[in-house]
């Protein structure tokens, strides 16, 4: 890639050109990130998206993008729900311990 004016907006066409250069071995995600003041993770995410879309294009029945995002959203909601339950349980355990200890101290038990 040559020295160009800074890219203000990364369109799909620009991202595609960069990813194709990476696939062809003309550049690396690290080089692209350095040249365009991006994170390596951001460029690698473009590569992953391109790979997924390429694979999806070869399928007999390609997954709809909406279907893909809805599935990911559902999985995220389930994970968030699990995390919420764990936090609730930990808070409940802590509250029980604190309440029991407060009662012991109020009843004349030694702190500590």
Protein backbone atom coordinates (compact mmCIF):
# COMPACT_ATOMS: atom_id res chain seq x y z
CA UNK A 1 0.00 0.00 0.00
CA UNK A 2 1.30 3.42 -0.84
CA UNK A 3 1.37 6.52 1.33
CA UNK A 4 -2.08 8.01 0.92
CA UNK A 5 -4.15 10.70 2.59
CA UNK A 6 -5.64 9.49 5.89
CA UNK A 7 -8.86 7.55 5.43
CA UNK A 8 -11.70 9.39 7.11
CA UNK A 9 -14.35 6.74 6.58
CA UNK A 10 -13.76 3.01 6.17
CA UNK A 11 -16.32 1.95 3.59
CA UNK A 12 -16.94 -1.68 2.75
CA UNK A 13 -15.03 -1.18 -0.50
CA UNK A 14 -11.94 0.18 1.32
CA UNK A 15 -12.06 -2.58 3.93
CA UNK A 16 -12.37 -5.18 1.16
CA UNK A 17 -9.33 -3.82 -0.64
CA UNK A 18 -7.26 -3.98 2.54
CA UNK A 19 -8.43 -7.51 3.39
CA UNK A 20 -7.70 -8.71 -0.16
CA UNK A 21 -4.17 -7.31 0.16
CA UNK A 22 -3.80 -9.21 3.44
CA UNK A 23 -5.09 -12.42 1.84
CA UNK A 24 -2.64 -11.99 -1.05
CA UNK A 25 0.25 -11.48 1.36
CA UNK A 26 0.93 -7.93 0.21
CA UNK A 27 0.54 -6.60 3.75
CA UNK A 28 -0.32 -7.74 7.27
CA UNK A 29 -2.93 -6.62 9.81
CA UNK A 30 -0.12 -5.11 11.89
CA UNK A 31 1.15 -3.04 8.94
CA UNK A 32 -2.36 -1.86 8.03
CA UNK A 33 -3.07 -0.89 11.63
CA UNK A 34 0.19 1.05 11.86
CA UNK A 35 -0.32 2.83 8.51
CA UNK A 36 -3.89 3.89 9.22
CA UNK A 37 -3.82 4.43 12.99
CA UNK A 38 -6.14 1.48 13.67
CA UNK A 39 -5.92 -1.30 16.20
CA UNK A 40 -4.67 -4.68 15.06
CA UNK A 41 -7.82 -6.23 16.57
CA UNK A 42 -9.98 -4.01 14.38
CA UNK A 43 -8.19 -5.08 11.20
CA UNK A 44 -8.24 -8.73 12.27
CA UNK A 45 -12.00 -8.43 12.84
CA UNK A 46 -12.36 -7.28 9.19
CA UNK A 47 -10.42 -10.36 8.11
CA UNK A 48 -12.61 -12.64 10.25
CA UNK A 49 -15.78 -11.06 8.85
CA UNK A 50 -14.47 -11.51 5.30
CA UNK A 51 -13.64 -15.16 5.99
CA UNK A 52 -17.09 -15.80 7.47
CA UNK A 53 -18.83 -14.08 4.55
CA UNK A 54 -16.69 -15.95 2.06
CA UNK A 55 -17.50 -19.28 3.73
CA UNK A 56 -21.16 -18.33 3.91
CA UNK A 57 -21.14 -17.51 0.18
CA UNK A 58 -20.04 -21.05 -0.63
CA UNK A 59 -22.86 -22.66 1.36
CA UNK A 60 -25.80 -24.25 -0.41
CA UNK A 61 -28.12 -22.29 1.87
CA UNK A 62 -26.28 -19.17 3.03
CA UNK A 63 -27.20 -17.90 6.45
CA UNK A 64 -29.05 -14.64 6.40
CA UNK A 65 -27.09 -11.86 8.07
CA UNK A 66 -30.09 -11.00 10.21
CA UNK A 67 -30.39 -14.63 11.31
CA UNK A 68 -26.70 -14.65 12.24
CA UNK A 69 -26.96 -11.49 14.35
CA UNK A 70 -30.18 -12.62 16.01
CA UNK A 71 -28.48 -15.88 17.02
CA UNK A 72 -25.47 -13.98 18.40
CA UNK A 73 -27.80 -11.57 20.22
CA UNK A 74 -29.70 -14.48 21.80
CA UNK A 75 -26.44 -16.11 22.93
CA UNK A 76 -25.29 -12.80 24.40
CA UNK A 77 -28.59 -12.34 26.25
CA UNK A 78 -28.31 -15.85 27.69
CA UNK A 79 -24.75 -15.20 28.85
CA UNK A 80 -25.82 -11.89 30.40
CA UNK A 81 -28.70 -13.62 32.18
CA UNK A 82 -26.33 -16.25 33.57
CA UNK A 83 -23.93 -13.55 34.76
CA UNK A 84 -26.80 -11.65 36.39
CA UNK A 85 -27.91 -14.77 38.27
CA UNK A 86 -24.36 -15.40 39.47
CA UNK A 87 -24.04 -11.82 40.73
CA UNK A 88 -27.42 -12.07 42.46
CA UNK A 89 -26.41 -15.33 44.14
CA UNK A 90 -23.08 -13.89 45.30
CA UNK A 91 -24.78 -10.79 46.69
CA UNK A 92 -27.35 -12.96 48.47
CA UNK A 93 -24.64 -15.09 50.05
CA UNK A 94 -22.79 -11.95 51.14
CA UNK A 95 -25.96 -10.39 52.54
CA UNK A 96 -26.76 -13.54 54.52
CA UNK A 97 -23.27 -13.64 55.99
CA UNK A 98 -23.40 -9.93 56.89
CA UNK A 99 -26.87 -10.22 58.45
CA UNK A 100 -25.88 -13.29 60.50
CA UNK A 101 -22.70 -11.58 61.74
CA UNK A 102 -24.63 -8.41 62.63
CA UNK A 103 -27.09 -10.47 64.69
CA UNK A 104 -24.23 -12.25 66.48
CA UNK A 105 -22.62 -8.94 67.41
CA UNK A 106 -25.98 -7.46 68.51
CA UNK A 107 -26.54 -10.51 70.72
CA UNK A 108 -23.28 -9.81 72.49
CA UNK A 109 -20.95 -11.99 70.44
CA UNK A 110 -17.39 -10.74 70.00
CA UNK A 111 -16.63 -9.19 66.61
CA UNK A 112 -14.18 -10.81 64.47
